[in-house]
C-alpha cells in the first residue's frame, strides 16, 4: 500500500467509520459549516455571500455587546461561538469556550470542544493538556480519547496512541466487571485502537480488532463498516461488498445511502455521488448536525 493510499485509508476510517457515530465532535463541524456556507441550503433561495457575511458579523457584534454587559451569559457565549464558527474565525472561538469551561467545570463536553479548537489552531500542547485533564477524571471518555488519539497520530506517535487506548480498554473492562456502567462504549475505543493500527501500517491487527468488536457487539454496524472500508482499500471487493451490505442493513436509515456511497467508491459499476443527500448526517465529516449543541 503506498503512502498516499495509506493516508487516505487512515483518514477515511478515522473519520468515516467511527467519529460520525460518537456523541460529540467540533472540528468536523467547523468544516461542515464551511461546506454549508459554500453550498447553501438547497431548499432556500440563493443568498448573497457578502450579505450573509455582514449579517453574521452583525450577530457576532450583538453577542459581544451582550457579553460586555453580562459576561456570564451562556446563551450569548454559545451564540458567539456558533457565529464565529460560521464566519470561519476559529481562533475567536477559544475565548468564549474558555469562559464556558470556567462556568461549567464539570461539563467535559466543553473541555473537549476547547481542546479540539486549540488543536485546530495549532496549540497542540494546550489541546493535549485539556484532553489529559478530562481523561484523568473520566479515563474512558470517548470524545477525549478520540481527540488525544488523533493528536498523537498527527504527531507521528501511533505507539503512544495505542498504549493510551489499550489502557482505556482495561479500565472499561474493569468498570464493566464491577457492575452497571451507563454510557460506557468499549466498542468505540476498540474502533479507535484499530484505526491507530492502520495509522501504524498494521492492517492485520486492525482487522483482528474489528473482528473482536463485531463478535462483542454483533448489533453494532460501525465495526462492520470499518472492516468493509479496509477490505475495499486492500482490493478485496467481494468481501467488502458483503460487509457493506451487512452494515447498510444494520445501520439506522439516515446512514444507509451514505454507506452505499462508500461502497460505490470501490466499485466502478456503481454510481458515485460524493455529495451526501440533503438532511442526512454526513459520514464524511463526523457528526455534523448543525450548531454545536450545549449540554
Protein backbone atom coordinates (compact mmCIF):
# COMPACT_ATOMS: atom_id res chain seq x y z
CA UNK A 1 0.00 0.00 0.00
CA UNK A 2 1.50 3.34 -0.98
CA UNK A 3 1.95 6.19 1.47
CA UNK A 4 -0.70 8.20 -0.36
CA UNK A 5 -3.23 5.38 -0.23
CA UNK A 6 -2.41 4.69 3.40
CA UNK A 7 -3.08 8.31 4.31
CA UNK A 8 -6.42 8.07 2.51
CA UNK A 9 -7.26 4.87 4.34
CA UNK A 10 -6.34 6.18 7.77
CA UNK A 11 -8.26 9.39 7.19
CA UNK A 12 -11.26 7.58 5.82
CA UNK A 13 -11.51 5.07 8.62
CA UNK A 14 -10.71 7.55 11.37
CA UNK A 15 -13.34 9.97 10.12
CA UNK A 16 -15.94 7.81 8.45
CA UNK A 17 -16.13 4.64 10.44
CA UNK A 18 -16.12 5.92 13.98
CA UNK A 19 -16.29 9.59 14.63
CA UNK A 20 -19.57 10.11 12.85
CA UNK A 21 -21.17 7.94 15.49
CA UNK A 22 -19.59 9.37 18.63
CA UNK A 23 -21.58 11.83 20.67
CA UNK A 24 -19.62 15.00 20.03
CA UNK A 25 -17.10 16.44 17.64
CA UNK A 26 -16.32 20.06 16.89
CA UNK A 27 -13.54 20.18 14.32
CA UNK A 28 -15.55 18.35 11.65
CA UNK A 29 -18.43 20.67 12.48
CA UNK A 30 -16.19 23.59 11.53
CA UNK A 31 -15.56 22.16 8.09
CA UNK A 32 -19.21 21.17 7.81
CA UNK A 33 -20.27 24.74 8.49
CA UNK A 34 -17.88 25.99 5.86
CA UNK A 35 -19.34 23.49 3.40
CA UNK A 36 -22.85 24.64 4.15
CA UNK A 37 -21.84 28.26 3.66
CA UNK A 38 -20.28 27.37 0.32
CA UNK A 39 -23.10 25.22 -0.98
CA UNK A 40 -26.06 26.92 0.65
CA UNK A 41 -29.36 25.32 1.54
CA UNK A 42 -30.99 23.59 -1.40
CA UNK A 43 -34.42 24.44 -0.01
CA UNK A 44 -33.74 28.16 0.35
CA UNK A 45 -33.14 30.83 -2.27
CA UNK A 46 -29.54 31.72 -3.02
CA UNK A 47 -28.09 34.20 -0.54
CA UNK A 48 -25.56 36.89 -1.38
CA UNK A 49 -22.33 35.78 0.34
CA UNK A 50 -21.47 39.38 1.19
CA UNK A 51 -24.88 39.91 2.77
CA UNK A 52 -24.54 36.68 4.71
CA UNK A 53 -21.10 37.72 5.91
CA UNK A 54 -22.38 41.09 7.04
CA UNK A 55 -25.31 39.50 8.84
CA UNK A 56 -23.06 37.07 10.70
CA UNK A 57 -20.67 39.85 11.66
CA UNK A 58 -23.59 41.86 13.00
CA UNK A 59 -24.77 38.87 15.01
CA UNK A 60 -21.30 38.38 16.44
CA UNK A 61 -21.12 42.03 17.43
CA UNK A 62 -24.53 41.76 19.06
CA UNK A 63 -23.42 38.82 21.17
CA UNK A 64 -20.25 40.69 22.11
CA UNK A 65 -22.30 43.67 23.28
CA UNK A 66 -24.44 41.40 25.42
CA UNK A 67 -21.31 39.84 26.93
CA UNK A 68 -19.90 43.28 27.73
CA UNK A 69 -22.93 43.80 29.97
CA UNK A 70 -23.35 40.18 31.06
CA UNK A 71 -20.03 38.35 30.78
CA UNK A 72 -21.51 35.14 32.19
CA UNK A 73 -24.46 34.98 29.77
CA UNK A 74 -24.09 31.45 28.45
CA UNK A 75 -26.67 31.86 25.71
CA UNK A 76 -24.65 34.74 24.29
CA UNK A 77 -21.42 32.78 24.66
CA UNK A 78 -22.84 29.84 22.72
CA UNK A 79 -24.30 32.17 20.11
CA UNK A 80 -20.96 33.91 19.67
CA UNK A 81 -19.19 30.58 19.28
CA UNK A 82 -21.63 29.43 16.63
CA UNK A 83 -21.43 32.72 14.73
CA UNK A 84 -17.63 32.82 14.79
CA UNK A 85 -17.54 29.23 13.55
CA UNK A 86 -19.78 30.15 10.63
CA UNK A 87 -17.50 33.09 9.90
CA UNK A 88 -14.52 30.77 9.93
CA UNK A 89 -12.90 32.64 12.84
CA UNK A 90 -11.71 29.57 14.69
CA UNK A 91 -9.26 31.46 16.91
CA UNK A 92 -12.09 33.72 18.06
CA UNK A 93 -13.89 30.66 19.42
CA UNK A 94 -11.21 29.97 22.04
CA UNK A 95 -12.02 32.79 24.48
CA UNK A 96 -15.79 32.18 24.76
CA UNK A 97 -15.18 28.44 25.04
CA UNK A 98 -12.70 29.03 27.84
CA UNK A 99 -15.38 31.08 29.59
CA UNK A 100 -17.91 28.27 29.18
CA UNK A 101 -15.40 25.81 30.64
CA UNK A 102 -14.89 28.11 33.63
CA UNK A 103 -18.63 28.46 34.16
CA UNK A 104 -19.24 24.71 33.73
CA UNK A 105 -16.22 22.92 35.20
CA UNK A 106 -18.00 19.55 35.33
CA UNK A 107 -19.20 19.61 31.70
CA UNK A 108 -16.47 17.67 29.92
CA UNK A 109 -18.03 18.34 26.51
CA UNK A 110 -17.00 21.98 26.73
CA UNK A 111 -13.48 20.97 27.69
CA UNK A 112 -13.24 18.64 24.70
CA UNK A 113 -14.60 21.33 22.38
CA UNK A 114 -11.95 23.70 23.68
CA UNK A 115 -9.22 21.12 23.19
CA UNK A 116 -10.38 20.40 19.65
CA UNK A 117 -10.43 24.12 18.88
CA UNK A 118 -6.91 24.57 20.24
CA UNK A 119 -5.84 21.59 18.15
CA UNK A 120 -7.38 23.23 15.09
CA UNK A 121 -5.48 26.46 15.75
CA UNK A 122 -2.17 24.64 16.22
CA UNK A 123 -1.93 24.77 20.02
CA UNK A 124 -1.21 21.06 20.29
CA UNK A 125 0.32 21.28 23.75
CA UNK A 126 -2.70 23.14 25.11
CA UNK A 127 -5.06 20.65 23.46
CA UNK A 128 -3.20 17.64 24.84
CA UNK A 129 -3.24 19.10 28.34
CA UNK A 130 -7.01 19.54 28.25
CA UNK A 131 -7.61 16.06 26.84
CA UNK A 132 -5.48 14.55 29.60
CA UNK A 133 -7.29 16.57 32.25
CA UNK A 134 -10.59 15.13 31.04
CA UNK A 135 -9.16 11.61 30.94
CA UNK A 136 -7.76 11.95 34.45
CA UNK A 137 -11.38 12.41 35.56
CA UNK A 138 -13.02 10.03 33.07
CA UNK A 139 -10.48 7.59 31.59
CA UNK A 140 -13.00 6.15 29.11
CA UNK A 141 -14.42 9.42 27.78
CA UNK A 142 -14.63 8.60 24.07
CA UNK A 143 -14.55 12.21 22.91
CA UNK A 144 -11.35 12.97 24.80
CA UNK A 145 -9.85 9.66 23.70
CA UNK A 146 -10.76 10.41 20.11
CA UNK A 147 -9.20 13.86 20.28
CA UNK A 148 -5.99 12.82 22.02
CA UNK A 149 -5.61 9.79 19.75
CA UNK A 150 -5.91 11.97 16.65
CA UNK A 151 -3.39 14.41 18.11
CA UNK A 152 -0.86 11.68 18.88
CA UNK A 153 -1.25 10.18 15.41
CA UNK A 154 -0.87 13.65 13.94
CA UNK A 155 2.40 13.98 15.85
CA UNK A 156 3.63 10.66 14.46
CA UNK A 157 3.21 8.80 17.77
CA UNK A 158 0.91 5.85 16.98
CA UNK A 159 2.54 3.68 19.63
CA UNK A 160 1.64 6.20 22.33
CA UNK A 161 -1.90 6.40 20.94
CA UNK A 162 -2.22 2.61 21.01
CA UNK A 163 -0.99 2.49 24.61
CA UNK A 164 -3.50 5.15 25.63
CA UNK A 165 -6.38 3.18 24.13
CA UNK A 166 -5.21 -0.17 25.48
CA UNK A 167 -5.17 1.32 28.98
CA UNK A 168 -8.65 2.76 28.39
CA UNK A 169 -9.93 -0.66 27.34
CA UNK A 170 -8.53 -2.22 30.50
CA UNK A 171 -10.31 0.43 32.54
CA UNK A 172 -13.53 -0.16 30.62
CA UNK A 173 -13.31 -3.90 31.26
CA UNK A 174 -12.76 -3.27 34.97
CA UNK A 175 -15.73 -0.89 35.14
CA UNK A 176 -17.96 -3.39 33.37
CA UNK A 177 -16.88 -6.18 35.69
CA UNK A 178 -17.75 -4.03 38.69
CA UNK A 179 -21.36 -3.66 37.60
CA UNK A 180 -23.53 -1.17 35.75
CA UNK A 181 -21.66 1.24 33.52
CA UNK A 182 -24.12 3.62 31.84
CA UNK A 183 -22.66 5.50 28.90
CA UNK A 184 -19.61 3.26 28.63
CA UNK A 185 -18.78 2.46 24.99
CA UNK A 186 -15.90 -0.03 24.71
CA UNK A 187 -16.69 -0.60 21.04
CA UNK A 188 -15.77 2.99 20.20
CA UNK A 189 -12.46 2.54 22.00
CA UNK A 190 -11.78 -0.68 20.09
CA UNK A 191 -12.52 1.07 16.82
CA UNK A 192 -10.13 3.86 17.70
CA UNK A 193 -7.44 1.31 18.53
CA UNK A 194 -7.97 -0.42 15.20
CA UNK A 195 -7.64 2.89 13.43
CA UNK A 196 -4.37 3.57 15.21
CA UNK A 197 -3.11 0.21 13.98
CA UNK A 198 -3.96 1.37 10.48
CA UNK A 199 -2.03 4.58 11.04
CA UNK A 200 0.92 2.44 12.12
CA UNK A 201 0.66 0.26 8.98
CA UNK A 202 -0.63 -2.76 10.89
CA UNK A 203 -3.79 -3.64 8.92
CA UNK A 204 -3.89 -7.26 10.13
CA UNK A 205 -4.10 -6.12 13.74
CA UNK A 206 -6.73 -3.59 12.77
CA UNK A 207 -8.84 -6.25 11.08
CA UNK A 208 -8.46 -8.51 14.13
CA UNK A 209 -9.66 -5.65 16.32
CA UNK A 210 -12.69 -5.13 14.09
CA UNK A 211 -13.49 -8.85 14.28
CA UNK A 212 -13.29 -8.68 18.05
CA UNK A 213 -15.62 -5.70 18.12
CA UNK A 214 -18.07 -7.41 15.76
CA UNK A 215 -18.13 -10.50 17.96
CA UNK A 216 -18.61 -8.45 21.13
CA UNK A 217 -21.37 -6.21 19.72
CA UNK A 218 -23.00 -8.03 16.78
CA UNK A 219 -25.78 -5.43 16.62
CA UNK A 220 -23.36 -2.53 16.02
CA UNK A 221 -22.80 -1.65 12.37
CA UNK A 222 -19.71 0.52 12.95
CA UNK A 223 -17.04 -2.22 13.08
CA UNK A 224 -18.68 -3.94 10.11
CA UNK A 225 -18.47 -0.72 8.11
CA UNK A 226 -14.89 -0.07 9.21
CA UNK A 227 -13.79 -3.55 8.19
CA UNK A 228 -15.53 -3.14 4.83
CA UNK A 229 -13.57 0.07 4.19
CA UNK A 230 -10.27 -1.63 4.94
CA UNK A 231 -11.03 -4.64 2.74
CA UNK A 232 -12.19 -2.31 -0.02
CA UNK A 233 -8.89 -0.43 0.13
CA UNK A 234 -6.98 -3.72 0.07
CA UNK A 235 -8.78 -4.69 -3.14
CA UNK A 236 -10.95 -7.48 -1.71
CA UNK A 237 -14.12 -6.14 -3.31
CA UNK A 238 -16.30 -9.21 -2.86
CA UNK A 239 -15.70 -9.45 0.88
CA UNK A 240 -16.01 -5.69 1.23
CA UNK A 241 -19.33 -5.62 -0.65
CA UNK A 242 -20.79 -8.29 1.61
CA UNK A 243 -19.81 -6.25 4.66
CA UNK A 244 -21.10 -3.00 3.18
CA UNK A 245 -24.43 -4.73 2.54
CA UNK A 246 -24.45 -6.05 6.09
CA UNK A 247 -23.61 -2.64 7.55
CA UNK A 248 -26.31 -0.95 5.46
CA UNK A 249 -28.88 -3.48 6.66
CA UNK A 250 -27.91 -2.88 10.29
CA UNK A 251 -27.47 0.89 10.20
CA UNK A 252 -30.14 3.49 11.00
CA UNK A 253 -31.97 4.73 7.93
CA UNK A 254 -30.18 8.10 7.84
CA UNK A 255 -26.85 6.37 7.18
CA UNK A 256 -27.87 3.80 4.57
CA UNK A 257 -27.43 6.00 1.49
CA UNK A 258 -24.03 7.17 2.68
CA UNK A 259 -22.85 3.62 3.27
CA UNK A 260 -23.90 2.87 -0.30
CA UNK A 261 -21.81 5.82 -1.46
CA UNK A 262 -18.79 4.44 0.39
CA UNK A 263 -19.32 1.07 -1.21
CA UNK A 264 -19.55 2.66 -4.65
CA UNK A 265 -16.09 4.21 -4.29
CA UNK A 266 -14.56 0.79 -4.71
CA UNK A 267 -16.93 -0.50 -7.38
CA UNK A 268 -16.89 1.26 -10.77
CA UNK A 269 -20.17 -0.44 -11.68
CA UNK A 270 -21.98 1.56 -9.00
CA UNK A 271 -22.86 5.25 -9.35
CA UNK A 272 -20.68 7.56 -7.32
CA UNK A 273 -22.20 10.66 -5.78
CA UNK A 274 -19.72 12.36 -3.44
CA UNK A 275 -22.35 14.73 -2.05
CA UNK A 276 -24.44 13.23 0.80
CA UNK A 277 -28.21 13.54 0.48
CA UNK A 278 -29.52 16.78 1.93
CA UNK A 279 -30.65 16.38 5.51
CA UNK A 280 -28.57 13.31 6.35
CA UNK A 281 -25.77 13.38 8.88
CA UNK A 282 -22.75 13.06 6.57
CA UNK A 283 -20.47 10.19 7.37
CA UNK A 284 -17.55 12.01 5.85
CA UNK A 285 -17.39 14.73 8.47
CA UNK A 286 -18.11 13.22 11.91
CA UNK A 287 -21.35 14.26 13.35
CA UNK A 288 -22.24 17.46 11.59
CA UNK A 289 -25.70 18.04 12.94
CA UNK A 290 -25.58 21.80 12.85
CA UNK A 291 -24.76 24.13 15.70
CA UNK A 292 -22.61 22.52 18.41
CA UNK A 293 -25.30 21.84 20.95
CA UNK A 294 -24.76 22.96 24.50
CA UNK A 295 -25.41 20.35 27.14
